[in-house]
PDB file of N, CA and C in Angstrom:
ATOM      1  N   UNK A   1      45.096 210.438  30.087  1.00  0.00           N
ATOM      2  CA  UNK A   1      46.040 210.792  31.400  1.00  0.00           C
ATOM      3  C   UNK A   1      46.406 212.280  31.526  1.00  0.00           C
ATOM      4  N   UNK A   2      46.243 213.340  32.569  1.00  0.00           N
ATOM      5  CA  UNK A   2      46.080 214.559  32.917  1.00  0.00           C
ATOM      6  C   UNK A   2      47.514 214.541  33.317  1.00  0.00           C
ATOM      7  N   UNK A   3      48.276 215.906  33.187  1.00  0.00           N
ATOM      8  CA  UNK A   3      49.754 215.880  33.450  1.00  0.00           C
ATOM      9  C   UNK A   3      49.015 217.169  34.019  1.00  0.00           C
ATOM     10  N   UNK A   4      49.978 216.876  35.634  1.00  0.00           N
ATOM     11  CA  UNK A   4      49.711 218.232  36.774  1.00  0.00           C
ATOM     12  C   UNK A   4      50.917 219.042  36.723  1.00  0.00           C
ATOM     13  N   UNK A   5      50.655 220.134  36.041  1.00  0.00           N
ATOM     14  CA  UNK A   5      51.966 221.181  35.883  1.00  0.00           C
ATOM     15  C   UNK A   5      51.792 222.060  36.868  1.00  0.00           C
ATOM     16  N   UNK A   6      51.062 221.928  38.199  1.00  0.00           N
ATOM     17  CA  UNK A   6      51.541 222.648  39.384  1.00  0.00           C
ATOM     18  C   UNK A   6      52.684 222.319  40.396  1.00  0.00           C
ATOM     19  N   UNK A   7      52.527 220.737  40.122  1.00  0.00           N
ATOM     20  CA  UNK A   7      53.682 219.521  40.917  1.00  0.00           C
ATOM     21  C   UNK A   7      54.702 219.608  40.163  1.00  0.00           C
ATOM     22  N   UNK A   8      56.320 220.044  40.752  1.00  0.00           N
ATOM     23  CA  UNK A   8      57.031 219.185  39.758  1.00  0.00           C
ATOM     24  C   UNK A   8      58.305 218.620  40.392  1.00  0.00           C
ATOM     25  N   UNK A   9      58.526 217.932  40.139  1.00  0.00           N
ATOM     26  CA  UNK A   9      59.303 216.572  41.097  1.00  0.00           C
ATOM     27  C   UNK A   9      60.860 217.101  40.813  1.00  0.00           C
ATOM     28  N   UNK A  10      61.282 218.321  41.316  1.00  0.00           N
ATOM     29  CA  UNK A  10      62.823 218.354  41.638  1.00  0.00           C
ATOM     30  C   UNK A  10      63.776 218.129  41.904  1.00  0.00           C
ATOM     31  N   UNK A  11      64.532 217.560  41.304  1.00  0.00           N
ATOM     32  CA  UNK A  11      65.989 217.191  42.427  1.00  0.00           C
ATOM     33  C   UNK A  11      66.687 217.944  43.243  1.00  0.00           C
ATOM     34  N   UNK A  12      67.242 217.856  44.040  1.00  0.00           N
ATOM     35  CA  UNK A  12      68.315 218.175  44.903  1.00  0.00           C
ATOM     36  C   UNK A  12      69.384 218.292  44.581  1.00  0.00           C
ATOM     37  N   UNK A  13      69.658 218.745  43.933  1.00  0.00           N
ATOM     38  CA  UNK A  13      71.638 218.191  43.106  1.00  0.00           C
ATOM     39  C   UNK A  13      72.246 219.865  43.770  1.00  0.00           C
ATOM     40  N   UNK A  14      72.102 220.527  44.474  1.00  0.00           N
ATOM     41  CA  UNK A  14      73.243 221.743  45.147  1.00  0.00           C
ATOM     42  C   UNK A  14      73.727 221.172  45.927  1.00  0.00           C
ATOM     43  N   UNK A  15      74.229 220.165  46.772  1.00  0.00           N
ATOM     44  CA  UNK A  15      75.188 219.938  47.510  1.00  0.00           C
ATOM     45  C   UNK A  15      75.968 218.616  46.315  1.00  0.00           C
ATOM     46  N   UNK A  16      75.443 218.283  45.581  1.00  0.00           N
ATOM     47  CA  UNK A  16      76.134 217.522  44.717  1.00  0.00           C
ATOM     48  C   UNK A  16      77.227 218.686  44.174  1.00  0.00           C
ATOM     49  N   UNK A  17      76.217 219.633  43.087  1.00  0.00           N
ATOM     50  CA  UNK A  17      77.267 220.670  42.480  1.00  0.00           C
ATOM     51  C   UNK A  17      77.807 220.981  43.288  1.00  0.00           C
ATOM     52  N   UNK A  18      77.794 221.414  44.924  1.00  0.00           N
ATOM     53  CA  UNK A  18      78.702 222.611  45.096  1.00  0.00           C
ATOM     54  C   UNK A  18      80.041 220.826  45.574  1.00  0.00           C
ATOM     55  N   UNK A  19      79.734 219.928  45.929  1.00  0.00           N
ATOM     56  CA  UNK A  19      81.184 219.130  46.498  1.00  0.00           C
ATOM     57  C   UNK A  19      81.732 218.823  44.525  1.00  0.00           C
ATOM     58  N   UNK A  20      81.114 219.052  43.727  1.00  0.00           N
ATOM     59  CA  UNK A  20      81.986 218.908  42.662  1.00  0.00           C
ATOM     60  C   UNK A  20      82.450 219.957  41.767  1.00  0.00           C
ATOM     61  N   UNK A  21      81.799 221.183  42.716  1.00  0.00           N
ATOM     62  CA  UNK A  21      83.082 222.340  41.613  1.00  0.00           C
ATOM     63  C   UNK A  21      83.881 222.368  42.646  1.00  0.00           C
ATOM     64  N   UNK A  22      83.796 221.973  44.170  1.00  0.00           N
ATOM     65  CA  UNK A  22      85.368 221.514  44.797  1.00  0.00           C
ATOM     66  C   UNK A  22      85.898 220.732  44.187  1.00  0.00           C
ATOM     67  N   UNK A  23      85.593 219.526  43.727  1.00  0.00           N
ATOM     68  CA  UNK A  23      86.383 218.423  43.741  1.00  0.00           C
ATOM     69  C   UNK A  23      86.941 219.372  42.477  1.00  0.00           C
ATOM     70  N   UNK A  24      86.101 219.614  41.290  1.00  0.00           N
ATOM     71  CA  UNK A  24      86.868 220.269  40.439  1.00  0.00           C
ATOM     72  C   UNK A  24      88.084 221.318  40.598  1.00  0.00           C
ATOM     73  N   UNK A  25      87.751 222.164  41.317  1.00  0.00           N
ATOM     74  CA  UNK A  25      89.294 222.995  41.629  1.00  0.00           C
ATOM     75  C   UNK A  25      89.963 222.618  42.232  1.00  0.00           C
ATOM     76  N   UNK A  26      90.178 221.376  43.119  1.00  0.00           N
ATOM     77  CA  UNK A  26      90.704 220.629  43.867  1.00  0.00           C
ATOM     78  C   UNK A  26      91.924 220.200  42.442  1.00  0.00           C
ATOM     79  N   UNK A  27      91.011 219.436  41.426  1.00  0.00           N
ATOM     80  CA  UNK A  27      91.579 218.619  40.167  1.00  0.00           C
ATOM     81  C   UNK A  27      91.780 219.311  39.386  1.00  0.00           C
ATOM     82  N   UNK A  28      91.990 220.775  39.432  1.00  0.00           N
ATOM     83  CA  UNK A  28      92.744 222.073  38.536  1.00  0.00           C
ATOM     84  C   UNK A  28      94.222 222.383  39.268  1.00  0.00           C
ATOM     85  N   UNK A  29      93.808 222.378  40.666  1.00  0.00           N
ATOM     86  CA  UNK A  29      94.967 222.992  40.963  1.00  0.00           C
ATOM     87  C   UNK A  29      96.194 222.205  41.400  1.00  0.00           C
ATOM     88  N   UNK A  30      95.944 221.088  41.091  1.00  0.00           N
ATOM     89  CA  UNK A  30      97.081 219.486  41.406  1.00  0.00           C
ATOM     90  C   UNK A  30      97.295 219.356  39.803  1.00  0.00           C
ATOM     91  N   UNK A  31      96.935 219.820  38.739  1.00  0.00           N
ATOM     92  CA  UNK A  31      97.507 219.470  37.794  1.00  0.00           C
ATOM     93  C   UNK A  31      98.556 220.666  37.491  1.00  0.00           C
ATOM     94  N   UNK A  32      97.524 221.917  37.231  1.00  0.00           N
ATOM     95  CA  UNK A  32      99.010 223.307  37.438  1.00  0.00           C
ATOM     96  C   UNK A  32     100.043 222.436  38.192  1.00  0.00           C
ATOM     97  N   UNK A  33     100.032 222.219  39.561  1.00  0.00           N
ATOM     98  CA  UNK A  33     101.076 222.462  40.039  1.00  0.00           C
ATOM     99  C   UNK A  33     102.071 221.279  39.904  1.00  0.00           C
ATOM    100  N   UNK A  34     101.816 220.337  39.103  1.00  0.00           N
ATOM    101  CA  UNK A  34     102.067 219.299  38.661  1.00  0.00           C
ATOM    102  C   UNK A  34     102.857 219.589  37.292  1.00  0.00           C
ATOM    103  N   UNK A  35     102.273 219.823  36.688  1.00  0.00           N
ATOM    104  CA  UNK A  35     103.427 220.853  34.992  1.00  0.00           C
ATOM    105  C   UNK A  35     103.929 221.787  35.470  1.00  0.00           C
ATOM    106  N   UNK A  36     104.492 221.901  36.718  1.00  0.00           N
ATOM    107  CA  UNK A  36     104.970 223.815  36.898  1.00  0.00           C
ATOM    108  C   UNK A  36     105.954 222.839  37.646  1.00  0.00           C
ATOM    109  N   UNK A  37     105.973 221.575  38.568  1.00  0.00           N
ATOM    110  CA  UNK A  37     106.855 221.123  39.314  1.00  0.00           C
ATOM    111  C   UNK A  37     107.304 220.324  38.223  1.00  0.00           C
ATOM    112  N   UNK A  38     107.034 219.223  37.382  1.00  0.00           N
ATOM    113  CA  UNK A  38     107.179 218.110  36.716  1.00  0.00           C
ATOM    114  C   UNK A  38     109.064 218.157  35.784  1.00  0.00           C
ATOM    115  N   UNK A  39     109.241 219.587  35.169  1.00  0.00           N
ATOM    116  CA  UNK A  39     110.448 220.324  34.859  1.00  0.00           C
ATOM    117  C   UNK A  39     111.989 220.001  35.322  1.00  0.00           C
ATOM    118  N   UNK A  40     111.129 219.928  36.488  1.00  0.00           N
ATOM    119  CA  UNK A  40     112.161 220.639  37.733  1.00  0.00           C
ATOM    120  C   UNK A  40     112.822 218.845  38.169  1.00  0.00           C
ATOM    121  N   UNK A  41     112.266 217.879  38.181  1.00  0.00           N
ATOM    122  CA  UNK A  41     112.795 216.632  38.394  1.00  0.00           C
ATOM    123  C   UNK A  41     113.089 216.402  37.507  1.00  0.00           C
ATOM    124  N   UNK A  42     114.491 215.626  37.622  1.00  0.00           N
ATOM    125  CA  UNK A  42     115.233 215.133  36.764  1.00  0.00           C
ATOM    126  C   UNK A  42     115.462 214.128  37.189  1.00  0.00           C
ATOM    127  N   UNK A  43     115.349 212.480  36.037  1.00  0.00           N
ATOM    128  CA  UNK A  43     115.242 211.127  35.976  1.00  0.00           C
ATOM    129  C   UNK A  43     116.813 210.877  35.639  1.00  0.00           C
ATOM    130  N   UNK A  44     117.800 211.463  35.024  1.00  0.00           N
ATOM    131  CA  UNK A  44     119.263 211.118  34.706  1.00  0.00           C
ATOM    132  C   UNK A  44     119.923 211.634  35.506  1.00  0.00           C
ATOM    133  N   UNK A  45     120.427 210.564  35.956  1.00  0.00           N
ATOM    134  CA  UNK A  45     121.836 210.939  36.905  1.00  0.00           C
ATOM    135  C   UNK A  45     122.659 211.898  36.454  1.00  0.00           C
ATOM    136  N   UNK A  46     123.695 212.762  37.256  1.00  0.00           N
ATOM    137  CA  UNK A  46     124.204 214.272  37.561  1.00  0.00           C
ATOM    138  C   UNK A  46     125.172 213.875  35.772  1.00  0.00           C
ATOM    139  N   UNK A  47     125.920 212.656  36.031  1.00  0.00           N
ATOM    140  CA  UNK A  47     127.096 211.986  35.457  1.00  0.00           C
ATOM    141  C   UNK A  47     126.334 212.486  33.752  1.00  0.00           C
ATOM    142  N   UNK A  48     125.353 211.743  33.483  1.00  0.00           N
ATOM    143  CA  UNK A  48     124.655 211.963  32.250  1.00  0.00           C
ATOM    144  C   UNK A  48     124.138 213.447  31.506  1.00  0.00           C
ATOM    145  N   UNK A  49     123.907 214.216  32.558  1.00  0.00           N
ATOM    146  CA  UNK A  49     124.060 215.221  32.219  1.00  0.00           C
ATOM    147  C   UNK A  49     124.662 216.216  31.419  1.00  0.00           C
ATOM    148  N   UNK A  50     126.010 216.157  32.293  1.00  0.00           N
ATOM    149  CA  UNK A  50     127.218 216.956  32.154  1.00  0.00           C
ATOM    150  C   UNK A  50     127.505 216.347  31.164  1.00  0.00           C
ATOM    151  N   UNK A  51     127.851 215.213  29.975  1.00  0.00           N
ATOM    152  CA  UNK A  51     128.437 214.996  29.174  1.00  0.00           C
ATOM    153  C   UNK A  51     127.162 215.468  27.810  1.00  0.00           C
ATOM    154  N   UNK A  52     125.981 215.729  28.410  1.00  0.00           N
ATOM    155  CA  UNK A  52     125.166 216.238  27.300  1.00  0.00           C
ATOM    156  C   UNK A  52     125.164 218.230  27.052  1.00  0.00           C
ATOM    157  N   UNK A  53     125.889 218.521  28.035  1.00  0.00           N
ATOM    158  CA  UNK A  53     125.950 219.833  27.786  1.00  0.00           C
ATOM    159  C   UNK A  53     126.647 220.374  27.107  1.00  0.00           C
ATOM    160  N   UNK A  54     126.528 221.241  26.467  1.00  0.00           N
ATOM    161  CA  UNK A  54     127.333 222.053  25.368  1.00  0.00           C
ATOM    162  C   UNK A  54     128.223 222.900  25.902  1.00  0.00           C
ATOM    163  N   UNK A  55     129.761 223.505  24.998  1.00  0.00           N
ATOM    164  CA  UNK A  55     130.488 224.375  25.901  1.00  0.00           C
ATOM    165  C   UNK A  55     130.318 225.380  25.262  1.00  0.00           C
ATOM    166  N   UNK A  56     129.633 226.360  25.718  1.00  0.00           N
ATOM    167  CA  UNK A  56     129.618 227.928  24.806  1.00  0.00           C
ATOM    168  C   UNK A  56     130.962 228.475  25.274  1.00  0.00           C
ATOM    169  N   UNK A  57     131.328 229.390  24.198  1.00  0.00           N
ATOM    170  CA  UNK A  57     132.009 230.633  23.795  1.00  0.00           C
ATOM    171  C   UNK A  57     131.677 231.717  23.140  1.00  0.00           C
ATOM    172  N   UNK A  58     132.379 232.768  24.189  1.00  0.00           N
ATOM    173  CA  UNK A  58     132.070 234.537  23.250  1.00  0.00           C
ATOM    174  C   UNK A  58     132.874 234.909  21.991  1.00  0.00           C
ATOM    175  N   UNK A  59     133.891 233.844  21.818  1.00  0.00           N
ATOM    176  CA  UNK A  59     134.266 234.235  20.765  1.00  0.00           C
ATOM    177  C   UNK A  59     133.292 233.406  19.394  1.00  0.00           C
ATOM    178  N   UNK A  60     132.513 234.155  18.506  1.00  0.00           N
ATOM    179  CA  UNK A  60     131.785 233.410  17.383  1.00  0.00           C
ATOM    180  C   UNK A  60     132.737 233.300  16.025  1.00  0.00           C
ATOM    181  N   UNK A  61     132.474 232.209  15.404  1.00  0.00           N
ATOM    182  CA  UNK A  61     133.226 231.424  14.328  1.00  0.00           C
ATOM    183  C   UNK A  61     133.367 232.808  13.219  1.00  0.00           C
ATOM    184  N   UNK A  62     133.954 232.904  12.229  1.00  0.00           N
ATOM    185  CA  UNK A  62     134.352 233.565  11.142  1.00  0.00           C
ATOM    186  C   UNK A  62     132.658 233.372  10.322  1.00  0.00           C
ATOM    187  N   UNK A  63     132.515 233.827   9.534  1.00  0.00           N
ATOM    188  CA  UNK A  63     131.041 233.820   9.168  1.00  0.00           C
ATOM    189  C   UNK A  63     131.570 233.404   7.322  1.00  0.00           C
ATOM    190  N   UNK A  64     130.564 232.198   6.776  1.00  0.00           N
ATOM    191  CA  UNK A  64     131.356 232.356   5.264  1.00  0.00           C
ATOM    192  C   UNK A  64     131.099 233.205   4.469  1.00  0.00           C
ATOM    193  N   UNK A  65     130.650 234.217   4.775  1.00  0.00           N
ATOM    194  CA  UNK A  65     129.935 235.201   3.516  1.00  0.00           C
ATOM    195  C   UNK A  65     130.156 236.854   4.460  1.00  0.00           C
ATOM    196  N   UNK A  66     129.582 237.835   3.747  1.00  0.00           N
ATOM    197  CA  UNK A  66     129.807 239.269   3.814  1.00  0.00           C
ATOM    198  C   UNK A  66     128.460 240.162   3.231  1.00  0.00           C
ATOM    199  N   UNK A  67     128.068 240.272   3.706  1.00  0.00           N
ATOM    200  CA  UNK A  67     126.320 241.085   2.374  1.00  0.00           C
ATOM    201  C   UNK A  67     126.996 242.869   2.976  1.00  0.00           C
ATOM    202  N   UNK A  68     126.521 243.642   1.842  1.00  0.00           N
ATOM    203  CA  UNK A  68     127.175 244.300   2.114  1.00  0.00           C
ATOM    204  C   UNK A  68     126.058 245.147   1.179  1.00  0.00           C
ATOM    205  N   UNK A  69     125.513 246.048   1.899  1.00  0.00           N
ATOM    206  CA  UNK A  69     124.390 246.990   1.623  1.00  0.00           C
ATOM    207  C   UNK A  69     124.975 247.969   0.406  1.00  0.00           C
ATOM    208  N   UNK A  70     124.426 248.230  -0.342  1.00  0.00           N
ATOM    209  CA  UNK A  70     124.167 248.802  -2.094  1.00  0.00           C
ATOM    210  C   UNK A  70     124.066 250.556  -1.396  1.00  0.00           C
ATOM    211  N   UNK A  71     123.887 251.583  -2.486  1.00  0.00           N
ATOM    212  CA  UNK A  71     123.762 252.401  -2.591  1.00  0.00           C
ATOM    213  C   UNK A  71     121.916 252.551  -2.284  1.00  0.00           C
ATOM    214  N   UNK A  72     121.535 251.836  -2.859  1.00  0.00           N
ATOM    215  CA  UNK A  72     119.993 251.752  -3.221  1.00  0.00           C
ATOM    216  C   UNK A  72     119.280 250.571  -2.190  1.00  0.00           C
ATOM    217  N   UNK A  73     117.920 251.011  -2.045  1.00  0.00           N
ATOM    218  CA  UNK A  73     117.585 250.326  -1.151  1.00  0.00           C
ATOM    219  C   UNK A  73     117.431 248.729  -1.459  1.00  0.00           C
ATOM    220  N   UNK A  74     117.274 248.200  -2.990  1.00  0.00           N
ATOM    221  CA  UNK A  74     117.241 247.325  -3.544  1.00  0.00           C
ATOM    222  C   UNK A  74     118.614 246.637  -4.018  1.00  0.00           C
ATOM    223  N   UNK A  75     119.843 246.879  -3.606  1.00  0.00           N
ATOM    224  CA  UNK A  75     120.735 246.813  -3.650  1.00  0.00           C
ATOM    225  C   UNK A  75     121.621 246.207  -2.616  1.00  0.00           C
ATOM    226  N   UNK A  76     122.044 244.800  -3.215  1.00  0.00           N
ATOM    227  CA  UNK A  76     122.554 244.461  -1.947  1.00  0.00           C
ATOM    228  C   UNK A  76     123.184 243.033  -2.474  1.00  0.00           C
ATOM    229  N   UNK A  77     125.203 243.049  -2.127  1.00  0.00           N
ATOM    230  CA  UNK A  77     126.487 242.280  -2.699  1.00  0.00           C
ATOM    231  C   UNK A  77     126.354 241.378  -1.737  1.00  0.00           C
ATOM    232  N   UNK A  78     126.853 239.874  -1.879  1.00  0.00           N
ATOM    233  CA  UNK A  78     127.564 238.951  -1.071  1.00  0.00           C
ATOM    234  C   UNK A  78     128.068 238.247  -1.414  1.00  0.00           C
ATOM    235  N   UNK A  79     129.218 238.580  -0.671  1.00  0.00           N
ATOM    236  CA  UNK A  79     130.761 238.167  -1.158  1.00  0.00           C
ATOM    237  C   UNK A  79     131.034 236.825  -0.085  1.00  0.00           C
ATOM    238  N   UNK A  80     131.292 235.989  -1.113  1.00  0.00           N
ATOM    239  CA  UNK A  80     131.535 234.636  -0.521  1.00  0.00           C
ATOM    240  C   UNK A  80     133.052 234.205  -0.318  1.00  0.00           C
ATOM    241  N   UNK A  81     133.661 233.990   1.021  1.00  0.00           N
ATOM    242  CA  UNK A  81     135.003 233.402   1.040  1.00  0.00           C
ATOM    243  C   UNK A  81     135.777 231.507   0.856  1.00  0.00           C
ATOM    244  N   UNK A  82     134.044 230.955   0.938  1.00  0.00           N
ATOM    245  CA  UNK A  82     134.763 229.533   0.115  1.00  0.00           C
ATOM    246  C   UNK A  82     134.054 229.224  -0.938  1.00  0.00           C
ATOM    247  N   UNK A  83     134.113 228.282  -2.173  1.00  0.00           N
ATOM    248  CA  UNK A  83     133.874 228.042  -2.913  1.00  0.00           C
ATOM    249  C   UNK A  83     132.115 227.228  -2.999  1.00  0.00           C
ATOM    250  N   UNK A  84     132.488 226.507  -1.954  1.00  0.00           N
ATOM    251  CA  UNK A  84     131.364 225.426  -1.676  1.00  0.00           C
ATOM    252  C   UNK A  84     130.421 226.918  -0.564  1.00  0.00           C
ATOM    253  N   UNK A  85     130.074 227.099  -0.547  1.00  0.00           N
ATOM    254  CA  UNK A  85     129.375 228.363   0.021  1.00  0.00           C
ATOM    255  C   UNK A  85     127.941 228.408  -0.754  1.00  0.00           C
TER     256      UNK A  85
END
Protein backbone atom coordinates (compact mmCIF):
# COMPACT_ATOMS: atom_id res chain seq x y z
CA UNK A 1 0.00 0.00 0.00
CA UNK A 2 1.67 3.16 -1.21
CA UNK A 3 1.30 6.47 0.50
CA UNK A 4 0.97 9.51 -1.72
CA UNK A 5 2.86 12.38 -0.02
CA UNK A 6 1.87 14.96 -2.63
CA UNK A 7 -1.80 14.98 -1.74
CA UNK A 8 -2.59 16.03 1.79
CA UNK A 9 -6.04 16.09 3.21
CA UNK A 10 -6.03 19.18 5.38
CA UNK A 11 -9.02 20.14 7.42
CA UNK A 12 -10.17 23.68 6.91
CA UNK A 13 -10.45 24.89 10.47
CA UNK A 14 -9.71 28.57 9.94
CA UNK A 15 -13.32 29.67 10.41
CA UNK A 16 -13.77 27.46 13.47
CA UNK A 17 -10.58 28.82 15.07
CA UNK A 18 -11.66 32.43 14.49
CA UNK A 19 -15.04 31.78 16.08
CA UNK A 20 -13.38 29.99 18.99
CA UNK A 21 -11.05 32.96 19.56
CA UNK A 22 -13.99 35.40 19.58
CA UNK A 23 -15.91 33.25 22.04
CA UNK A 24 -12.91 32.95 24.36
CA UNK A 25 -12.37 36.72 24.35
CA UNK A 26 -16.04 37.26 25.17
CA UNK A 27 -15.92 34.75 28.03
CA UNK A 28 -12.78 36.41 29.43
CA UNK A 29 -14.39 39.85 29.31
CA UNK A 30 -17.54 38.52 31.01
CA UNK A 31 -15.48 36.83 33.75
CA UNK A 32 -13.41 39.96 34.45
CA UNK A 33 -16.54 42.11 34.61
CA UNK A 34 -18.22 39.61 36.93
CA UNK A 35 -15.23 39.56 39.29
CA UNK A 36 -15.17 43.37 39.35
CA UNK A 37 -18.92 43.76 40.00
CA UNK A 38 -19.43 40.89 42.50
CA UNK A 39 -18.10 42.74 45.61
CA UNK A 40 -20.42 45.67 44.88
CA UNK A 41 -23.54 43.51 45.12
CA UNK A 42 -24.75 43.22 48.71
CA UNK A 43 -27.15 40.41 49.57
CA UNK A 44 -27.53 41.48 53.22
CA UNK A 45 -30.11 43.98 54.45
CA UNK A 46 -28.80 47.40 55.43
CA UNK A 47 -29.76 46.94 59.11
CA UNK A 48 -27.67 43.77 59.37
CA UNK A 49 -24.66 45.41 57.74
CA UNK A 50 -24.86 48.43 60.10
CA UNK A 51 -24.86 46.12 63.13
CA UNK A 52 -21.58 44.50 62.09
CA UNK A 53 -19.65 47.71 61.42
CA UNK A 54 -17.15 48.76 64.04
CA UNK A 55 -16.88 52.22 65.47
CA UNK A 56 -13.49 53.81 65.11
CA UNK A 57 -12.00 56.55 67.23
CA UNK A 58 -8.99 58.75 66.76
CA UNK A 59 -7.84 58.16 70.37
CA UNK A 60 -5.62 55.12 70.87
CA UNK A 61 -5.85 53.07 74.07
CA UNK A 62 -2.78 53.14 76.31
CA UNK A 63 -0.13 50.53 75.62
CA UNK A 64 0.69 47.74 78.08
CA UNK A 65 4.42 48.37 77.75
CA UNK A 66 7.01 50.89 76.66
CA UNK A 67 10.16 50.05 74.70
CA UNK A 68 13.17 52.25 75.39
CA UNK A 69 16.20 52.09 73.11
CA UNK A 70 19.54 52.05 74.92
CA UNK A 71 22.78 53.78 74.04
CA UNK A 72 24.01 50.78 72.06
CA UNK A 73 22.25 49.27 69.05
CA UNK A 74 21.53 45.94 70.73
CA UNK A 75 20.28 47.41 74.05
CA UNK A 76 16.50 47.60 74.58
CA UNK A 77 14.61 48.11 77.84
CA UNK A 78 10.96 47.07 78.03
CA UNK A 79 8.87 48.56 80.85
CA UNK A 80 5.60 46.70 81.58
CA UNK A 81 2.70 48.50 83.26
CA UNK A 82 0.67 45.41 84.19
CA UNK A 83 1.95 42.27 85.87
CA UNK A 84 -0.21 40.10 83.57
CA UNK A 85 1.67 41.27 80.47
